[in-house]
Each structure stands twice: as C-alpha cells, then as structure tokens.
Amino acid sequence: MDKDNNNISSYNHSINLLERKTLVITGVKKIDNFDNNHFLLDTSMGYMIIKGENLELIKLDTLAGHVTIKGTINSIEYILENNKKNKEDSVFSRLFK
C-alpha cells in the first residue's frame, strides 16, 4: 500500500477549474472527508480544502490520483505541513459542527 502512495506522490499535482463549476485535481493520494460543502484531500503537495455549494464527487481514479468535483467552487486552500495538526482539528470541528 505504501508503494501505491509513493507512486502517486511522484505524479505532478495540478488543479484545473472550469467556470467555478468543475474542478479536476491530479496528484491526489486520498480523500479524507467530504460532503456537499467541503472536501478534504491529501495531495502530493499537502492537504487541500475545497469549499463550495452542492459539491459532488464525479470521478475518482485512485490509481492515477485524479479527482473530479462538480458544484459551485468558492475556495481552494492548502494546509501547511507544520500547521497540519492544528488546521485538521479546526477543519474537522468546522465540518462537524
């Protein structure tokens, strides 16, 4: 399993946002949590939080590390590694209020 994560981390990480309605992300290791307003992704460049409205997972390719999300995208934020623990706690507390 670690071998698969190493392969994904060697992939390039990119974000393609089309008209704030379709988001295609590469270099995704795993989806930690999601609902129709938030996605928390572990990417090869660190944790990413996507916020929006009516968000929906359209495509997930775990072998290639590609994710496609549809809905109204309001923000995309990366969490710094050194603050990951504190940010994750605050993200989860906000998600599960």
PDB file of N, CA and C in Angstrom:
ATOM      1  N   MET A   1       0.816  -1.189   0.000  1.00  0.00           N
ATOM      2  CA  MET A   1       0.000   0.000   0.000  1.00  0.00           C
ATOM      3  C   MET A   1       0.863   1.259   0.000  1.00  0.00           C
ATOM      4  N   ASP A   2       1.952   1.260   0.745  1.00  0.00           N
ATOM      5  CA  ASP A   2       2.854   2.399   0.735  1.00  0.00           C
ATOM      6  C   ASP A   2       3.457   2.610  -0.647  1.00  0.00           C
ATOM      7  N   LYS A   3       3.636   1.506  -1.368  1.00  0.00           N
ATOM      8  CA  LYS A   3       4.184   1.607  -2.708  1.00  0.00           C
ATOM      9  C   LYS A   3       3.254   2.420  -3.613  1.00  0.00           C
ATOM     10  N   ASP A   4       1.938   2.205  -3.499  1.00  0.00           N
ATOM     11  CA  ASP A   4       0.980   2.962  -4.288  1.00  0.00           C
ATOM     12  C   ASP A   4       1.030   4.438  -3.941  1.00  0.00           C
ATOM     13  N   ASN A   5       1.122   4.778  -2.646  1.00  0.00           N
ATOM     14  CA  ASN A   5       1.205   6.174  -2.236  1.00  0.00           C
ATOM     15  C   ASN A   5       2.461   6.835  -2.767  1.00  0.00           C
ATOM     16  N   ASN A   6       3.578   6.097  -2.818  1.00  0.00           N
ATOM     17  CA  ASN A   6       4.807   6.649  -3.375  1.00  0.00           C
ATOM     18  C   ASN A   6       4.659   6.918  -4.856  1.00  0.00           C
ATOM     19  N   ASN A   7       3.954   6.054  -5.578  1.00  0.00           N
ATOM     20  CA  ASN A   7       3.725   6.280  -6.998  1.00  0.00           C
ATOM     21  C   ASN A   7       2.891   7.528  -7.221  1.00  0.00           C
ATOM     22  N   ILE A   8       1.861   7.719  -6.424  1.00  0.00           N
ATOM     23  CA  ILE A   8       1.011   8.896  -6.569  1.00  0.00           C
ATOM     24  C   ILE A   8       1.797  10.154  -6.241  1.00  0.00           C
ATOM     25  N   SER A   9       2.650  10.101  -5.215  1.00  0.00           N
ATOM     26  CA  SER A   9       3.402  11.295  -4.841  1.00  0.00           C
ATOM     27  C   SER A   9       4.403  11.689  -5.920  1.00  0.00           C
ATOM     28  N   SER A  10       4.776  10.759  -6.801  1.00  0.00           N
ATOM     29  CA  SER A  10       5.689  11.104  -7.881  1.00  0.00           C
ATOM     30  C   SER A  10       4.951  11.751  -9.054  1.00  0.00           C
ATOM     31  N   TYR A  11       3.604  11.682  -9.054  1.00  0.00           N
ATOM     32  CA  TYR A  11       2.824  12.338 -10.090  1.00  0.00           C
ATOM     33  C   TYR A  11       2.813  13.839  -9.872  1.00  0.00           C
ATOM     34  N   ASN A  12       2.656  14.564 -10.952  1.00  0.00           N
ATOM     35  CA  ASN A  12       2.519  16.009 -10.853  1.00  0.00           C
ATOM     36  C   ASN A  12       1.168  16.348 -10.248  1.00  0.00           C
ATOM     37  N   HIS A  13       1.164  17.410  -9.494  1.00  0.00           N
ATOM     38  CA  HIS A  13      -0.071  17.900  -8.885  1.00  0.00           C
ATOM     39  C   HIS A  13      -0.549  19.093  -9.694  1.00  0.00           C
ATOM     40  N   SER A  14      -1.805  19.046 -10.099  1.00  0.00           N
ATOM     41  CA  SER A  14      -2.358  20.177 -10.833  1.00  0.00           C
ATOM     42  C   SER A  14      -3.822  20.358 -10.486  1.00  0.00           C
ATOM     43  N   ILE A  15      -4.287  21.584 -10.711  1.00  0.00           N
ATOM     44  CA  ILE A  15      -5.685  21.939 -10.487  1.00  0.00           C
ATOM     45  C   ILE A  15      -6.188  22.600 -11.755  1.00  0.00           C
ATOM     46  N   ASN A  16      -7.330  22.130 -12.245  1.00  0.00           N
ATOM     47  CA  ASN A  16      -7.957  22.737 -13.410  1.00  0.00           C
ATOM     48  C   ASN A  16      -9.394  23.085 -13.020  1.00  0.00           C
ATOM     49  N   LEU A  17      -9.691  24.371 -12.938  1.00  0.00           N
ATOM     50  CA  LEU A  17     -11.007  24.848 -12.543  1.00  0.00           C
ATOM     51  C   LEU A  17     -11.686  25.476 -13.750  1.00  0.00           C
ATOM     52  N   LEU A  18     -12.836  24.920 -14.136  1.00  0.00           N
ATOM     53  CA  LEU A  18     -13.580  25.406 -15.290  1.00  0.00           C
ATOM     54  C   LEU A  18     -14.829  26.135 -14.827  1.00  0.00           C
ATOM     55  N   GLU A  19     -14.858  27.439 -15.022  1.00  0.00           N
ATOM     56  CA  GLU A  19     -16.012  28.284 -14.728  1.00  0.00           C
ATOM     57  C   GLU A  19     -16.548  28.103 -13.311  1.00  0.00           C
ATOM     58  N   ARG A  20     -15.674  27.830 -12.356  1.00  0.00           N
ATOM     59  CA  ARG A  20     -16.029  27.618 -10.944  1.00  0.00           C
ATOM     60  C   ARG A  20     -17.048  26.509 -10.742  1.00  0.00           C
ATOM     61  N   LYS A  21     -17.244  25.651 -11.741  1.00  0.00           N
ATOM     62  CA  LYS A  21     -18.248  24.595 -11.633  1.00  0.00           C
ATOM     63  C   LYS A  21     -17.662  23.186 -11.709  1.00  0.00           C
ATOM     64  N   THR A  22     -16.539  23.027 -12.357  1.00  0.00           N
ATOM     65  CA  THR A  22     -15.910  21.718 -12.483  1.00  0.00           C
ATOM     66  C   THR A  22     -14.445  21.849 -12.094  1.00  0.00           C
ATOM     67  N   LEU A  23     -14.030  21.036 -11.129  1.00  0.00           N
ATOM     68  CA  LEU A  23     -12.659  21.062 -10.627  1.00  0.00           C
ATOM     69  C   LEU A  23     -12.030  19.696 -10.865  1.00  0.00           C
ATOM     70  N   VAL A  24     -10.912  19.674 -11.585  1.00  0.00           N
ATOM     71  CA  VAL A  24     -10.175  18.449 -11.845  1.00  0.00           C
ATOM     72  C   VAL A  24      -8.818  18.584 -11.146  1.00  0.00           C
ATOM     73  N   ILE A  25      -8.507  17.629 -10.277  1.00  0.00           N
ATOM     74  CA  ILE A  25      -7.270  17.671  -9.492  1.00  0.00           C
ATOM     75  C   ILE A  25      -6.485  16.403  -9.761  1.00  0.00           C
ATOM     76  N   THR A  26      -5.183  16.541  -9.984  1.00  0.00           N
ATOM     77  CA  THR A  26      -4.305  15.382 -10.131  1.00  0.00           C
ATOM     78  C   THR A  26      -3.344  15.351  -8.952  1.00  0.00           C
ATOM     79  N   GLY A  27      -2.735  14.203  -8.722  1.00  0.00           N
ATOM     80  CA  GLY A  27      -1.797  14.048  -7.616  1.00  0.00           C
ATOM     81  C   GLY A  27      -2.493  13.845  -6.283  1.00  0.00           C
ATOM     82  N   VAL A  28      -3.723  13.327  -6.288  1.00  0.00           N
ATOM     83  CA  VAL A  28      -4.477  13.108  -5.057  1.00  0.00           C
ATOM     84  C   VAL A  28      -4.133  11.731  -4.496  1.00  0.00           C
ATOM     85  N   LYS A  29      -3.709  11.701  -3.244  1.00  0.00           N
ATOM     86  CA  LYS A  29      -3.396  10.444  -2.570  1.00  0.00           C
ATOM     87  C   LYS A  29      -4.661   9.797  -2.012  1.00  0.00           C
ATOM     88  N   LYS A  30      -5.491  10.624  -1.341  1.00  0.00           N
ATOM     89  CA  LYS A  30      -6.732  10.096  -0.785  1.00  0.00           C
ATOM     90  C   LYS A  30      -7.678  11.246  -0.465  1.00  0.00           C
ATOM     91  N   ILE A  31      -8.947  10.899  -0.355  1.00  0.00           N
ATOM     92  CA  ILE A  31      -9.958  11.842   0.093  1.00  0.00           C
ATOM     93  C   ILE A  31     -10.227  11.511   1.554  1.00  0.00           C
ATOM     94  N   ASP A  32      -9.909  12.441   2.432  1.00  0.00           N
ATOM     95  CA  ASP A  32     -10.097  12.192   3.864  1.00  0.00           C
ATOM     96  C   ASP A  32     -11.541  12.362   4.290  1.00  0.00           C
ATOM     97  N   ASN A  33     -12.213  13.368   3.729  1.00  0.00           N
ATOM     98  CA  ASN A  33     -13.578  13.640   4.152  1.00  0.00           C
ATOM     99  C   ASN A  33     -14.237  14.518   3.101  1.00  0.00           C
ATOM    100  N   PHE A  34     -15.557  14.354   2.940  1.00  0.00           N
ATOM    101  CA  PHE A  34     -16.269  15.255   2.045  1.00  0.00           C
ATOM    102  C   PHE A  34     -17.761  15.237   2.329  1.00  0.00           C
ATOM    103  N   ASP A  35     -18.397  16.348   2.001  1.00  0.00           N
ATOM    104  CA  ASP A  35     -19.848  16.462   1.999  1.00  0.00           C
ATOM    105  C   ASP A  35     -20.197  17.457   0.894  1.00  0.00           C
ATOM    106  N   ASN A  36     -21.413  17.957   0.868  1.00  0.00           N
ATOM    107  CA  ASN A  36     -21.798  18.815  -0.254  1.00  0.00           C
ATOM    108  C   ASN A  36     -21.267  20.244  -0.129  1.00  0.00           C
ATOM    109  N   ASN A  37     -20.547  20.573   0.969  1.00  0.00           N
ATOM    110  CA  ASN A  37     -19.969  21.903   1.139  1.00  0.00           C
ATOM    111  C   ASN A  37     -18.452  21.920   1.290  1.00  0.00           C
ATOM    112  N   HIS A  38     -17.819  20.781   1.592  1.00  0.00           N
ATOM    113  CA  HIS A  38     -16.382  20.720   1.857  1.00  0.00           C
ATOM    114  C   HIS A  38     -15.784  19.416   1.328  1.00  0.00           C
ATOM    115  N   PHE A  39     -14.553  19.499   0.873  1.00  0.00           N
ATOM    116  CA  PHE A  39     -13.743  18.320   0.561  1.00  0.00           C
ATOM    117  C   PHE A  39     -12.399  18.504   1.248  1.00  0.00           C
ATOM    118  N   LEU A  40     -11.879  17.470   1.873  1.00  0.00           N
ATOM    119  CA  LEU A  40     -10.540  17.471   2.449  1.00  0.00           C
ATOM    120  C   LEU A  40      -9.750  16.386   1.737  1.00  0.00           C
ATOM    121  N   LEU A  41      -8.745  16.807   0.956  1.00  0.00           N
ATOM    122  CA  LEU A  41      -7.959  15.887   0.136  1.00  0.00           C
ATOM    123  C   LEU A  41      -6.509  15.880   0.590  1.00  0.00           C
ATOM    124  N   ASP A  42      -5.895  14.716   0.546  1.00  0.00           N
ATOM    125  CA  ASP A  42      -4.458  14.588   0.769  1.00  0.00           C
ATOM    126  C   ASP A  42      -3.822  14.478  -0.611  1.00  0.00           C
ATOM    127  N   THR A  43      -3.045  15.490  -0.996  1.00  0.00           N
ATOM    128  CA  THR A  43      -2.420  15.510  -2.326  1.00  0.00           C
ATOM    129  C   THR A  43      -0.912  15.355  -2.186  1.00  0.00           C
ATOM    130  N   SER A  44      -0.243  15.204  -3.301  1.00  0.00           N
ATOM    131  CA  SER A  44       1.213  15.090  -3.288  1.00  0.00           C
ATOM    132  C   SER A  44       1.885  16.389  -2.859  1.00  0.00           C
ATOM    133  N   MET A  45       1.141  17.497  -2.806  1.00  0.00           N
ATOM    134  CA  MET A  45       1.676  18.784  -2.374  1.00  0.00           C
ATOM    135  C   MET A  45       1.134  19.202  -1.011  1.00  0.00           C
ATOM    136  N   GLY A  46       0.463  18.308  -0.303  1.00  0.00           N
ATOM    137  CA  GLY A  46      -0.068  18.601   1.021  1.00  0.00           C
ATOM    138  C   GLY A  46      -1.583  18.516   1.044  1.00  0.00           C
ATOM    139  N   TYR A  47      -2.139  18.775   2.207  1.00  0.00           N
ATOM    140  CA  TYR A  47      -3.593  18.720   2.360  1.00  0.00           C
ATOM    141  C   TYR A  47      -4.244  19.924   1.698  1.00  0.00           C
ATOM    142  N   MET A  48      -5.404  19.692   1.114  1.00  0.00           N
ATOM    143  CA  MET A  48      -6.151  20.723   0.400  1.00  0.00           C
ATOM    144  C   MET A  48      -7.592  20.704   0.878  1.00  0.00           C
ATOM    145  N   ILE A  49      -8.139  21.898   1.118  1.00  0.00           N
ATOM    146  CA  ILE A  49      -9.544  22.036   1.491  1.00  0.00           C
ATOM    147  C   ILE A  49     -10.258  22.758   0.355  1.00  0.00           C
ATOM    148  N   ILE A  50     -11.344  22.175  -0.104  1.00  0.00           N
ATOM    149  CA  ILE A  50     -12.175  22.783  -1.139  1.00  0.00           C
ATOM    150  C   ILE A  50     -13.517  23.091  -0.510  1.00  0.00           C
ATOM    151  N   LYS A  51     -13.955  24.340  -0.645  1.00  0.00           N
ATOM    152  CA  LYS A  51     -15.241  24.754  -0.087  1.00  0.00           C
ATOM    153  C   LYS A  51     -16.129  25.229  -1.223  1.00  0.00           C
ATOM    154  N   GLY A  52     -17.424  24.973  -1.072  1.00  0.00           N
ATOM    155  CA  GLY A  52     -18.362  25.403  -2.093  1.00  0.00           C
ATOM    156  C   GLY A  52     -19.778  25.016  -1.741  1.00  0.00           C
ATOM    157  N   GLU A  53     -20.607  24.976  -2.763  1.00  0.00           N
ATOM    158  CA  GLU A  53     -22.013  24.632  -2.592  1.00  0.00           C
ATOM    159  C   GLU A  53     -22.387  23.529  -3.572  1.00  0.00           C
ATOM    160  N   ASN A  54     -23.203  22.595  -3.103  1.00  0.00           N
ATOM    161  CA  ASN A  54     -23.666  21.478  -3.930  1.00  0.00           C
ATOM    162  C   ASN A  54     -22.502  20.711  -4.554  1.00  0.00           C
ATOM    163  N   LEU A  55     -21.432  20.507  -3.793  1.00  0.00           N
ATOM    164  CA  LEU A  55     -20.263  19.787  -4.289  1.00  0.00           C
ATOM    165  C   LEU A  55     -20.577  18.304  -4.378  1.00  0.00           C
ATOM    166  N   GLU A  56     -20.063  17.698  -5.441  1.00  0.00           N
ATOM    167  CA  GLU A  56     -20.347  16.291  -5.674  1.00  0.00           C
ATOM    168  C   GLU A  56     -19.141  15.649  -6.352  1.00  0.00           C
ATOM    169  N   LEU A  57     -18.764  14.478  -5.865  1.00  0.00           N
ATOM    170  CA  LEU A  57     -17.657  13.723  -6.437  1.00  0.00           C
ATOM    171  C   LEU A  57     -18.133  13.061  -7.715  1.00  0.00           C
ATOM    172  N   ILE A  58     -17.558  13.453  -8.838  1.00  0.00           N
ATOM    173  CA  ILE A  58     -17.973  12.933 -10.133  1.00  0.00           C
ATOM    174  C   ILE A  58     -17.089  11.764 -10.567  1.00  0.00           C
ATOM    175  N   LYS A  59     -15.773  11.918 -10.395  1.00  0.00           N
ATOM    176  CA  LYS A  59     -14.848  10.881 -10.852  1.00  0.00           C
ATOM    177  C   LYS A  59     -13.718  10.730  -9.841  1.00  0.00           C
ATOM    178  N   LEU A  60     -13.374   9.491  -9.554  1.00  0.00           N
ATOM    179  CA  LEU A  60     -12.263   9.181  -8.664  1.00  0.00           C
ATOM    180  C   LEU A  60     -11.447   8.070  -9.300  1.00  0.00           C
ATOM    181  N   ASP A  61     -10.219   8.368  -9.655  1.00  0.00           N
ATOM    182  CA  ASP A  61      -9.298   7.379 -10.208  1.00  0.00           C
ATOM    183  C   ASP A  61      -8.154   7.232  -9.216  1.00  0.00           C
ATOM    184  N   THR A  62      -8.250   6.215  -8.360  1.00  0.00           N
ATOM    185  CA  THR A  62      -7.265   6.046  -7.293  1.00  0.00           C
ATOM    186  C   THR A  62      -5.895   5.630  -7.814  1.00  0.00           C
ATOM    187  N   LEU A  63      -5.848   4.927  -8.919  1.00  0.00           N
ATOM    188  CA  LEU A  63      -4.557   4.503  -9.463  1.00  0.00           C
ATOM    189  C   LEU A  63      -3.767   5.668 -10.022  1.00  0.00           C
ATOM    190  N   ALA A  64      -4.437   6.570 -10.714  1.00  0.00           N
ATOM    191  CA  ALA A  64      -3.758   7.726 -11.305  1.00  0.00           C
ATOM    192  C   ALA A  64      -3.752   8.930 -10.376  1.00  0.00           C
ATOM    193  N   GLY A  65      -4.607   8.925  -9.347  1.00  0.00           N
ATOM    194  CA  GLY A  65      -4.672  10.041  -8.417  1.00  0.00           C
ATOM    195  C   GLY A  65      -5.452  11.226  -8.948  1.00  0.00           C
ATOM    196  N   HIS A  66      -6.467  10.959  -9.788  1.00  0.00           N
ATOM    197  CA  HIS A  66      -7.286  12.027 -10.364  1.00  0.00           C
ATOM    198  C   HIS A  66      -8.643  12.082  -9.673  1.00  0.00           C
ATOM    199  N   VAL A  67      -9.108  13.308  -9.402  1.00  0.00           N
ATOM    200  CA  VAL A  67     -10.419  13.533  -8.796  1.00  0.00           C
ATOM    201  C   VAL A  67     -11.119  14.634  -9.570  1.00  0.00           C
ATOM    202  N   THR A  68     -12.412  14.437  -9.847  1.00  0.00           N
ATOM    203  CA  THR A  68     -13.230  15.469 -10.478  1.00  0.00           C
ATOM    204  C   THR A  68     -14.397  15.780  -9.550  1.00  0.00           C
ATOM    205  N   ILE A  69     -14.568  17.076  -9.277  1.00  0.00           N
ATOM    206  CA  ILE A  69     -15.621  17.555  -8.387  1.00  0.00           C
ATOM    207  C   ILE A  69     -16.465  18.570  -9.148  1.00  0.00           C
ATOM    208  N   LYS A  70     -17.786  18.441  -9.023  1.00  0.00           N
ATOM    209  CA  LYS A  70     -18.695  19.416  -9.634  1.00  0.00           C
ATOM    210  C   LYS A  70     -19.474  20.134  -8.552  1.00  0.00           C
ATOM    211  N   GLY A  71     -19.874  21.362  -8.848  1.00  0.00           N
ATOM    212  CA  GLY A  71     -20.621  22.206  -7.930  1.00  0.00           C
ATOM    213  C   GLY A  71     -20.105  23.626  -8.053  1.00  0.00           C
ATOM    214  N   THR A  72     -20.517  24.488  -7.168  1.00  0.00           N
ATOM    215  CA  THR A  72     -20.019  25.860  -7.152  1.00  0.00           C
ATOM    216  C   THR A  72     -18.817  25.915  -6.222  1.00  0.00           C
ATOM    217  N   ILE A  73     -17.632  26.152  -6.783  1.00  0.00           N
ATOM    218  CA  ILE A  73     -16.394  26.191  -6.011  1.00  0.00           C
ATOM    219  C   ILE A  73     -16.200  27.613  -5.476  1.00  0.00           C
ATOM    220  N   ASN A  74     -16.116  27.753  -4.154  1.00  0.00           N
ATOM    221  CA  ASN A  74     -15.913  29.066  -3.539  1.00  0.00           C
ATOM    222  C   ASN A  74     -14.470  29.307  -3.121  1.00  0.00           C
ATOM    223  N   SER A  75     -13.763  28.251  -2.687  1.00  0.00           N
ATOM    224  CA  SER A  75     -12.369  28.445  -2.290  1.00  0.00           C
ATOM    225  C   SER A  75     -11.597  27.134  -2.352  1.00  0.00           C
ATOM    226  N   ILE A  76     -10.289  27.293  -2.552  1.00  0.00           N
ATOM    227  CA  ILE A  76      -9.341  26.180  -2.531  1.00  0.00           C
ATOM    228  C   ILE A  76      -8.199  26.638  -1.632  1.00  0.00           C
ATOM    229  N   GLU A  77      -7.885  25.832  -0.619  1.00  0.00           N
ATOM    230  CA  GLU A  77      -6.862  26.234   0.352  1.00  0.00           C
ATOM    231  C   GLU A  77      -5.949  25.052   0.639  1.00  0.00           C
ATOM    232  N   TYR A  78      -4.644  25.317   0.734  1.00  0.00           N
ATOM    233  CA  TYR A  78      -3.675  24.303   1.153  1.00  0.00           C
ATOM    234  C   TYR A  78      -3.376  24.487   2.634  1.00  0.00           C
ATOM    235  N   ILE A  79      -3.168  23.378   3.315  1.00  0.00           N
ATOM    236  CA  ILE A  79      -2.784  23.411   4.724  1.00  0.00           C
ATOM    237  C   ILE A  79      -1.285  23.156   4.792  1.00  0.00           C
ATOM    238  N   LEU A  80      -0.563  24.045   5.474  1.00  0.00           N
ATOM    239  CA  LEU A  80       0.876  23.882   5.623  1.00  0.00           C
ATOM    240  C   LEU A  80       1.168  22.678   6.500  1.00  0.00           C
ATOM    241  N   GLU A  81       2.223  21.932   6.175  1.00  0.00           N
ATOM    242  CA  GLU A  81       2.574  20.706   6.895  1.00  0.00           C
ATOM    243  C   GLU A  81       2.805  20.961   8.375  1.00  0.00           C
ATOM    244  N   ASN A  82       3.512  22.049   8.730  1.00  0.00           N
ATOM    245  CA  ASN A  82       3.830  22.280  10.137  1.00  0.00           C
ATOM    246  C   ASN A  82       2.601  22.669  10.946  1.00  0.00           C
ATOM    247  N   ASN A  83       1.557  23.154  10.292  1.00  0.00           N
ATOM    248  CA  ASN A  83       0.323  23.505  10.985  1.00  0.00           C
ATOM    249  C   ASN A  83      -0.784  22.498  10.715  1.00  0.00           C
ATOM    250  N   LYS A  84      -0.436  21.375  10.112  1.00  0.00           N
ATOM    251  CA  LYS A  84      -1.449  20.407   9.678  1.00  0.00           C
ATOM    252  C   LYS A  84      -2.307  19.911  10.839  1.00  0.00           C
ATOM    253  N   LYS A  85      -1.714  19.566  11.952  1.00  0.00           N
ATOM    254  CA  LYS A  85      -2.465  19.023  13.082  1.00  0.00           C
ATOM    255  C   LYS A  85      -3.486  20.043  13.585  1.00  0.00           C
ATOM    256  N   ASN A  86      -3.049  21.274  13.806  1.00  0.00           N
ATOM    257  CA  ASN A  86      -3.959  22.309  14.295  1.00  0.00           C
ATOM    258  C   ASN A  86      -5.044  22.619  13.269  1.00  0.00           C
ATOM    259  N   LYS A  87      -4.671  22.700  12.006  1.00  0.00           N
ATOM    260  CA  LYS A  87      -5.638  23.012  10.961  1.00  0.00           C
ATOM    261  C   LYS A  87      -6.637  21.873  10.799  1.00  0.00           C
ATOM    262  N   GLU A  88      -6.157  20.627  10.835  1.00  0.00           N
ATOM    263  CA  GLU A  88      -7.056  19.490  10.691  1.00  0.00           C
ATOM    264  C   GLU A  88      -8.092  19.496  11.809  1.00  0.00           C
ATOM    265  N   ASP A  89      -7.645  19.776  13.021  1.00  0.00           N
ATOM    266  CA  ASP A  89      -8.581  19.828  14.143  1.00  0.00           C
ATOM    267  C   ASP A  89      -9.631  20.905  13.897  1.00  0.00           C
ATOM    268  N   SER A  90      -9.201  22.077  13.437  1.00  0.00           N
ATOM    269  CA  SER A  90     -10.159  23.157  13.211  1.00  0.00           C
ATOM    270  C   SER A  90     -11.039  22.845  12.009  1.00  0.00           C
ATOM    271  N   VAL A  91     -10.487  22.215  10.978  1.00  0.00           N
ATOM    272  CA  VAL A  91     -11.284  21.841   9.807  1.00  0.00           C
ATOM    273  C   VAL A  91     -12.352  20.842  10.199  1.00  0.00           C
ATOM    274  N   PHE A  92     -11.963  19.813  10.962  1.00  0.00           N
ATOM    275  CA  PHE A  92     -12.927  18.805  11.366  1.00  0.00           C
ATOM    276  C   PHE A  92     -13.968  19.382  12.304  1.00  0.00           C
ATOM    277  N   SER A  93     -13.559  20.289  13.170  1.00  0.00           N
ATOM    278  CA  SER A  93     -14.535  20.890  14.080  1.00  0.00           C
ATOM    279  C   SER A  93     -15.532  21.752  13.306  1.00  0.00           C
ATOM    280  N   ARG A  94     -15.059  22.420  12.252  1.00  0.00           N
ATOM    281  CA  ARG A  94     -15.972  23.215  11.424  1.00  0.00           C
ATOM    282  C   ARG A  94     -16.873  22.318  10.581  1.00  0.00           C
ATOM    283  N   LEU A  95     -16.342  21.221  10.094  1.00  0.00           N
ATOM    284  CA  LEU A  95     -17.118  20.327   9.248  1.00  0.00           C
ATOM    285  C   LEU A  95     -18.222  19.639  10.033  1.00  0.00           C
ATOM    286  N   PHE A  96     -17.950  19.304  11.271  1.00  0.00           N
ATOM    287  CA  PHE A  96     -18.893  18.520  12.053  1.00  0.00           C
ATOM    288  C   PHE A  96     -19.568  19.333  13.149  1.00  0.00           C
ATOM    289  N   LYS A  97     -19.746  20.625  12.911  1.00  0.00           N
ATOM    290  CA  LYS A  97     -20.445  21.495  13.870  1.00  0.00           C
ATOM    291  C   LYS A  97     -21.859  21.088  14.048  1.00  0.00           C
TER     292      LYS A  97
END
